[in-house]
Amino acid sequence: MGSVNEILTLYTLIATGALVSMLALIARFYQVRSGERSHYQLFLIPLGLFILGGLYQALTIGIPGDDPLDNSLLCLGGASLFGLSYRLFYLMTRKR
């Protein structure tokens, strides 16, 4: 049963990484088309935090929510992704 948890954790990690990458590509596209700085490079921070947290969780403990280190990495990744996404949303939808 332990290997099933590890596989599902890594699958979730890959899916989350793909979504964050798509959001970074949207920010890059907006920067190229509009000429405004969207700081799409900052999306590497939550991507890295999600990768570190997910790998630590999958390779060491295997039980979600059991270790404060992986919880803090995933929480920081989510908070930074929320902030960057909101900033991109504001850039794209504000009135000119």
Protein backbone atom coordinates (compact mmCIF):
# COMPACT_ATOMS: atom_id res chain seq x y z
CA MET A 1 0.00 0.00 0.00
CA GLY A 2 2.96 2.29 0.59
CA SER A 3 4.01 2.31 -3.05
CA VAL A 4 0.49 3.26 -4.15
CA ASN A 5 0.65 6.32 -1.87
CA GLU A 6 4.04 7.28 -3.29
CA ILE A 7 2.83 6.91 -6.88
CA LEU A 8 -0.28 8.98 -6.22
CA THR A 9 1.77 11.65 -4.45
CA LEU A 10 4.18 11.89 -7.36
CA TYR A 11 1.27 11.99 -9.84
CA THR A 12 -0.25 14.88 -7.91
CA LEU A 13 3.15 16.58 -7.89
CA ILE A 14 3.44 16.26 -11.68
CA ALA A 15 -0.10 17.55 -12.25
CA THR A 16 0.46 20.54 -9.96
CA GLY A 17 3.77 21.30 -11.67
CA ALA A 18 2.07 21.24 -15.07
CA LEU A 19 -0.60 23.68 -13.88
CA VAL A 20 1.96 26.07 -12.39
CA SER A 21 3.98 25.87 -15.61
CA MET A 22 0.91 26.71 -17.68
CA LEU A 23 0.23 29.71 -15.47
CA ALA A 24 3.83 30.87 -15.95
CA LEU A 25 3.44 30.52 -19.72
CA ILE A 26 0.27 32.61 -19.59
CA ALA A 27 2.16 35.29 -17.66
CA ARG A 28 4.99 35.19 -20.20
CA PHE A 29 2.53 35.46 -23.09
CA TYR A 30 0.88 38.45 -21.42
CA GLN A 31 4.26 40.13 -20.92
CA VAL A 32 5.25 39.60 -24.56
CA ARG A 33 1.92 40.82 -25.97
CA SER A 34 1.25 43.77 -23.68
CA GLY A 35 4.76 44.98 -22.97
CA GLU A 36 4.08 45.12 -19.20
CA ARG A 37 6.32 43.23 -16.81
CA SER A 38 4.50 40.24 -15.37
CA HIS A 39 7.56 38.73 -13.61
CA TYR A 40 6.76 35.26 -14.93
CA GLN A 41 10.15 34.02 -13.67
CA LEU A 42 8.85 34.23 -10.10
CA PHE A 43 6.56 31.28 -10.81
CA LEU A 44 9.66 29.11 -10.40
CA ILE A 45 9.48 29.75 -6.63
CA PRO A 46 6.15 27.98 -5.99
CA LEU A 47 7.08 25.31 -8.52
CA GLY A 48 10.30 24.60 -6.65
CA LEU A 49 8.55 24.59 -3.27
CA PHE A 50 5.91 22.15 -4.55
CA ILE A 51 8.62 19.90 -5.99
CA LEU A 52 10.64 19.93 -2.77
CA GLY A 53 7.59 19.33 -0.58
CA GLY A 54 6.19 16.60 -2.78
CA LEU A 55 9.46 14.76 -3.18
CA TYR A 56 10.17 14.97 0.54
CA GLN A 57 6.71 13.64 1.27
CA ALA A 58 6.87 10.84 -1.30
CA LEU A 59 10.40 9.66 -0.59
CA THR A 60 10.66 9.98 3.19
CA ILE A 61 7.40 9.72 5.05
CA GLY A 62 4.73 8.75 2.53
CA ILE A 63 1.83 9.89 4.73
CA PRO A 64 0.35 13.30 3.83
CA GLY A 65 0.14 15.69 6.76
CA ASP A 66 2.52 13.76 8.99
CA ASP A 67 5.61 15.98 8.92
CA PRO A 68 5.73 19.75 9.53
CA LEU A 69 8.56 20.26 7.01
CA ASP A 70 6.63 19.02 3.98
CA ASN A 71 3.50 20.79 5.22
CA SER A 72 5.36 24.09 5.48
CA LEU A 73 6.95 23.67 2.03
CA LEU A 74 3.60 22.94 0.42
CA CYS A 75 1.92 25.77 2.34
CA LEU A 76 4.58 28.28 1.29
CA GLY A 77 4.27 27.06 -2.30
CA GLY A 78 0.51 27.51 -2.24
CA ALA A 79 0.70 30.94 -0.62
CA SER A 80 3.29 32.21 -3.09
CA LEU A 81 1.30 30.77 -6.00
CA PHE A 82 -1.83 32.49 -4.73
CA GLY A 83 -0.02 35.84 -4.49
CA LEU A 84 1.53 35.56 -7.94
CA SER A 85 -1.75 34.43 -9.49
CA TYR A 86 -3.62 37.32 -7.92
CA ARG A 87 -0.99 39.77 -9.17
CA LEU A 88 -1.29 38.35 -12.69
CA PHE A 89 -5.07 38.49 -12.48
CA TYR A 90 -4.87 42.15 -11.44
CA LEU A 91 -2.49 42.98 -14.29
CA MET A 92 -4.68 41.32 -16.87
CA THR A 93 -8.06 42.67 -15.75
CA ARG A 94 -7.46 46.20 -14.54
CA LYS A 95 -8.94 49.05 -16.50
CA ARG A 96 -6.51 50.94 -18.68
